[in-house]
Amino acid sequence: MSWQRLSLHFKQTHAGGYRYLDRCGEFMVQAVEKFRFMPGEIKVTGAKLEIPEEGVTADVDTQQLTVAQEFPKDDGTLFLSLVEGLASLTGEFFTPKTVMTRALALKSYWPMKSEEAVFKASLNLGDSYHSQLGKSVGMVPERKNIDVNFTSGSLDFHVIVRPVSFEKVSVQRFNPGFDNTPEHKERLARLNQKAERIDIKSPCAIMMELDLIESNPPVEFLAKHFDQLKKQEAILMEELVIK
């Protein structure tokens, strides 16, 4: 077994994005035409977009833009291009006064065969401080989480490693009705491709969640931000080998 990429995440918070209320429609049109997003729910308070065949979802409103991708099939190249594209559209159409924070996150998991195996593996992570604590409290350690924040200048790097169980892994599949339009049939076909992407066969896993947040980030260095997160991930994957 080894670490497997589960998902990628992006979140940008901004101030003064009030033009969302005026120009959301144009933002949606450009996202659909340029990046093949499928429009979802559209409200005054926010709008949703999706590329189901790539496992990508996006949300935007007056205060933030979020993008996520489940089960990415590449090294994050597609995800980064979509994030850069939507962030550019946000700046173009909503003209926020400032970008306050930008966060990029990665989730990876190490599949395990049972609850007992994942609990034992979690106790092998990091040092053995839990053994001494167990002696102090007169109890046996069962499982352990790692939760650490690191800082450097305007960057905050949050690392969580913990045992998890995949309690409910379900997919939705759709069949077109007799009178559905070609456009609706295409939409359902794309949604079914999303269902085919889900591939979790193990009931439990060790989950590693990495979140690199920058305050008052320079807009043009988004790719550099993502590269830095991937380098940190590579280091931790070598350090945290599950036994």
Protein backbone atom coordinates (compact mmCIF):
# COMPACT_ATOMS: atom_id res chain seq x y z
CA MET A 1 0.00 0.00 0.00
CA SER A 2 0.98 3.65 -0.32
CA TRP A 3 -0.44 7.15 -0.05
CA GLN A 4 -3.21 7.85 -2.57
CA ARG A 5 -4.58 11.27 -3.49
CA LEU A 6 -8.17 11.71 -2.38
CA SER A 7 -8.93 15.35 -3.14
CA LEU A 8 -7.64 18.84 -3.86
CA HIS A 9 -9.12 22.04 -2.44
CA PHE A 10 -8.85 25.78 -3.01
CA LYS A 11 -10.42 28.64 -1.07
CA GLN A 12 -9.98 32.35 -1.66
CA THR A 13 -11.60 34.94 0.56
CA HIS A 14 -11.96 38.47 -0.70
CA ALA A 15 -13.43 41.78 0.40
CA GLY A 16 -15.65 44.08 -1.62
CA GLY A 17 -16.86 41.52 -4.15
CA TYR A 18 -20.29 43.13 -4.34
CA ARG A 19 -20.37 43.08 -8.13
CA TYR A 20 -21.16 39.38 -7.83
CA LEU A 21 -24.77 40.54 -7.51
CA ASP A 22 -24.53 42.34 -10.85
CA ARG A 23 -22.27 40.07 -12.90
CA CYS A 24 -22.75 36.50 -11.68
CA GLY A 25 -24.49 35.58 -14.93
CA GLU A 26 -21.52 36.63 -17.06
CA PHE A 27 -19.16 34.78 -14.71
CA MET A 28 -21.23 31.61 -15.19
CA VAL A 29 -21.34 32.00 -18.98
CA GLN A 30 -17.56 32.35 -19.18
CA ALA A 31 -16.95 29.42 -16.81
CA VAL A 32 -19.20 27.19 -18.95
CA GLU A 33 -17.70 28.29 -22.27
CA LYS A 34 -14.02 28.38 -21.28
CA PHE A 35 -13.74 25.49 -18.84
CA ARG A 36 -16.77 23.23 -19.60
CA PHE A 37 -18.31 23.79 -16.18
CA MET A 38 -21.92 22.73 -15.83
CA PRO A 39 -24.10 25.33 -14.07
CA GLY A 40 -25.73 24.20 -10.87
CA GLU A 41 -27.81 26.04 -8.32
CA ILE A 42 -27.77 29.83 -8.76
CA LYS A 43 -28.88 32.14 -5.96
CA VAL A 44 -28.46 35.74 -4.96
CA THR A 45 -26.31 34.44 -2.11
CA GLY A 46 -24.08 32.24 -4.27
CA ALA A 47 -23.70 30.06 -7.35
CA LYS A 48 -22.48 26.50 -7.91
CA LEU A 49 -20.62 24.98 -10.85
CA GLU A 50 -19.50 21.45 -11.65
CA ILE A 51 -17.40 19.39 -14.05
CA PRO A 52 -18.73 15.98 -12.95
CA GLU A 53 -16.59 13.86 -15.25
CA GLU A 54 -13.48 15.38 -13.61
CA GLY A 55 -14.89 15.35 -10.06
CA VAL A 56 -14.68 19.16 -9.84
CA THR A 57 -17.08 21.45 -7.97
CA ALA A 58 -16.92 25.21 -7.46
CA ASP A 59 -18.83 27.78 -5.40
CA VAL A 60 -18.64 31.56 -5.63
CA ASP A 61 -20.30 34.47 -3.86
CA THR A 62 -19.53 38.01 -2.71
CA GLN A 63 -17.01 36.81 -0.11
CA GLN A 64 -15.20 33.77 -1.44
CA LEU A 65 -14.41 31.35 -4.24
CA THR A 66 -13.95 27.64 -3.51
CA VAL A 67 -12.93 24.83 -5.86
CA ALA A 68 -12.53 21.12 -5.07
CA GLN A 69 -11.64 18.00 -7.02
CA GLU A 70 -12.20 14.44 -5.85
CA PHE A 71 -9.97 11.59 -7.07
CA PRO A 72 -7.76 13.70 -9.38
CA LYS A 73 -6.24 11.62 -12.17
CA ASP A 74 -3.15 13.79 -12.70
CA ASP A 75 -0.65 15.64 -10.51
CA GLY A 76 -3.00 18.59 -10.04
CA THR A 77 -2.38 20.26 -13.41
CA LEU A 78 -6.06 20.36 -14.36
CA PHE A 79 -7.09 21.52 -10.89
CA LEU A 80 -4.57 24.37 -10.92
CA SER A 81 -5.65 25.52 -14.39
CA LEU A 82 -9.30 25.64 -13.30
CA VAL A 83 -8.47 27.47 -10.07
CA GLU A 84 -6.40 30.04 -11.95
CA GLY A 85 -9.17 30.45 -14.53
CA LEU A 86 -11.95 30.95 -12.00
CA ALA A 87 -9.82 33.21 -9.82
CA SER A 88 -9.12 35.33 -12.91
CA LEU A 89 -12.85 35.51 -13.74
CA THR A 90 -13.59 36.49 -10.14
CA GLY A 91 -11.16 39.38 -10.39
CA GLU A 92 -12.45 40.41 -13.81
CA PHE A 93 -16.19 40.39 -13.07
CA PHE A 94 -16.48 41.01 -9.33
CA THR A 95 -13.39 43.26 -8.91
CA PRO A 96 -12.96 42.65 -5.17
CA LYS A 97 -10.98 45.32 -3.32
CA THR A 98 -8.53 42.81 -1.91
CA VAL A 99 -7.81 39.10 -1.59
CA MET A 100 -7.56 38.47 2.14
CA THR A 101 -6.56 34.80 2.25
CA ARG A 102 -5.81 32.01 -0.17
CA ALA A 103 -5.76 28.38 0.91
CA LEU A 104 -4.75 25.27 -1.00
CA ALA A 105 -5.28 21.87 0.57
CA LEU A 106 -4.54 18.23 -0.23
CA LYS A 107 -6.08 15.11 1.21
CA SER A 108 -4.38 11.74 0.81
CA TYR A 109 -5.15 8.39 2.37
CA TRP A 110 -3.40 5.11 3.08
CA PRO A 111 -5.96 2.26 2.74
CA MET A 112 -6.25 -0.20 5.62
CA LYS A 113 -8.11 -3.50 5.82
CA SER A 114 -9.70 -3.18 9.26
CA GLU A 115 -10.41 -0.94 12.23
CA GLU A 116 -7.81 -2.79 14.29
CA ALA A 117 -5.16 -2.27 11.62
CA VAL A 118 -5.82 1.46 11.25
CA PHE A 119 -5.77 2.04 15.02
CA LYS A 120 -2.46 0.17 15.35
CA ALA A 121 -0.97 2.09 12.43
CA SER A 122 -1.96 5.44 13.95
CA LEU A 123 -0.02 4.60 17.15
CA ASN A 124 3.11 4.00 15.06
CA LEU A 125 3.02 7.55 13.69
CA GLY A 126 5.37 10.09 15.25
CA ASP A 127 6.92 9.55 18.66
CA SER A 128 5.68 7.30 21.48
CA TYR A 129 4.50 9.96 23.94
CA HIS A 130 1.15 8.17 24.11
CA SER A 131 2.79 5.15 25.75
CA GLN A 132 3.99 7.23 28.70
CA LEU A 133 0.62 8.96 28.92
CA GLY A 134 -1.04 5.56 29.02
CA LYS A 135 1.12 4.56 31.99
CA SER A 136 0.34 7.84 33.73
CA VAL A 137 -3.42 7.47 33.40
CA GLY A 138 -3.43 3.70 33.83
CA MET A 139 -5.07 3.00 30.44
CA VAL A 140 -4.04 1.51 27.10
CA PRO A 141 -3.69 3.86 24.07
CA GLU A 142 -6.13 2.85 21.33
CA ARG A 143 -5.49 5.34 18.49
CA LYS A 144 -3.76 8.66 17.88
CA ASN A 145 -4.10 11.81 15.78
CA ILE A 146 -1.36 14.21 14.69
CA ASP A 147 -2.49 17.85 14.52
CA VAL A 148 0.21 20.51 14.09
CA ASN A 149 0.30 24.10 12.81
CA PHE A 150 3.49 25.56 11.34
CA THR A 151 4.06 29.22 10.45
CA SER A 152 6.50 31.14 8.28
CA GLY A 153 5.89 34.80 7.53
CA SER A 154 2.41 35.12 6.02
CA LEU A 155 2.04 31.34 5.63
CA ASP A 156 0.25 28.93 7.94
CA PHE A 157 0.71 25.21 7.28
CA HIS A 158 -1.74 22.87 9.02
CA VAL A 159 -1.06 19.12 9.15
CA ILE A 160 -3.59 16.54 10.34
CA VAL A 161 -2.97 12.79 10.19
CA ARG A 162 -5.67 10.56 11.66
CA PRO A 163 -7.46 7.24 11.33
CA VAL A 164 -10.79 7.40 9.48
CA SER A 165 -13.49 5.02 8.36
CA PHE A 166 -15.38 5.28 5.09
CA GLU A 167 -18.79 4.62 6.58
CA LYS A 168 -20.87 5.53 3.55
CA VAL A 169 -19.45 5.28 0.05
CA SER A 170 -22.39 5.72 -2.29
CA VAL A 171 -22.90 6.85 -5.86
CA GLN A 172 -25.86 8.26 -7.71
CA ARG A 173 -26.59 7.12 -11.23
CA PHE A 174 -29.19 8.63 -13.53
CA ASN A 175 -31.31 7.30 -16.38
CA PRO A 176 -32.86 9.73 -18.86
CA GLY A 177 -36.62 9.87 -19.24
CA PHE A 178 -38.41 9.22 -22.51
CA ASP A 179 -39.01 12.91 -23.20
CA ASN A 180 -35.70 14.34 -22.02
CA THR A 181 -34.01 16.85 -24.30
CA PRO A 182 -30.57 16.06 -25.77
CA GLU A 183 -29.09 18.70 -23.43
CA HIS A 184 -30.59 17.00 -20.37
CA LYS A 185 -29.40 13.58 -21.53
CA GLU A 186 -25.88 14.95 -21.93
CA ARG A 187 -26.06 16.41 -18.41
CA LEU A 188 -27.08 13.04 -16.96
CA ALA A 189 -24.32 11.28 -18.88
CA ARG A 190 -21.76 13.65 -17.40
CA LEU A 191 -23.16 13.12 -13.90
CA ASN A 192 -22.85 9.34 -14.37
CA GLN A 193 -19.19 9.79 -15.21
CA LYS A 194 -18.78 11.38 -11.79
CA ALA A 195 -20.17 8.22 -10.16
CA GLU A 196 -17.67 6.08 -12.07
CA ARG A 197 -14.75 8.02 -10.55
CA ILE A 198 -15.42 6.89 -6.97
CA ASP A 199 -12.99 4.10 -6.16
CA ILE A 200 -12.65 3.45 -2.42
CA LYS A 201 -12.39 -0.27 -1.73
CA SER A 202 -11.03 -0.21 1.84
CA PRO A 203 -13.28 0.37 4.86
CA CYS A 204 -10.64 2.34 6.79
CA ALA A 205 -7.57 4.46 6.17
CA ILE A 206 -5.01 6.79 7.64
CA MET A 207 -5.95 10.23 6.30
CA MET A 208 -3.41 13.00 5.79
CA GLU A 209 -4.82 16.52 5.40
CA LEU A 210 -2.49 19.36 4.46
CA ASP A 211 -3.67 22.97 4.32
CA LEU A 212 -1.35 25.82 3.28
CA ILE A 213 -2.92 29.24 3.90
CA GLU A 214 -1.43 32.59 2.93
CA SER A 215 -2.66 35.97 4.16
CA ASN A 216 -2.72 38.91 1.72
CA PRO A 217 -1.31 36.71 -1.06
CA PRO A 218 0.18 38.06 -4.30
CA VAL A 219 -2.34 37.07 -6.97
CA GLU A 220 0.27 36.14 -9.58
CA PHE A 221 1.97 33.51 -7.37
CA LEU A 222 -0.89 31.01 -7.15
CA ALA A 223 1.06 28.30 -9.04
CA LYS A 224 4.05 28.82 -6.72
CA HIS A 225 1.73 28.41 -3.72
CA PHE A 226 0.46 25.08 -5.10
CA ASP A 227 3.99 23.84 -5.88
CA GLN A 228 5.06 24.62 -2.34
CA LEU A 229 2.17 22.58 -0.94
CA LYS A 230 3.00 19.60 -3.17
CA LYS A 231 6.64 19.72 -2.05
CA GLN A 232 5.53 19.66 1.59
CA GLU A 233 3.25 16.73 0.77
CA ALA A 234 6.13 14.78 -0.82
CA ILE A 235 8.29 15.32 2.27
CA LEU A 236 5.54 14.14 4.63
CA MET A 237 4.75 11.10 2.48
CA GLU A 238 8.38 10.01 2.90
CA GLU A 239 8.38 10.78 6.61
CA LEU A 240 5.04 9.15 7.41
CA VAL A 241 5.29 5.61 6.08
CA ILE A 242 2.52 3.42 7.49
CA LYS A 243 3.71 0.20 9.14
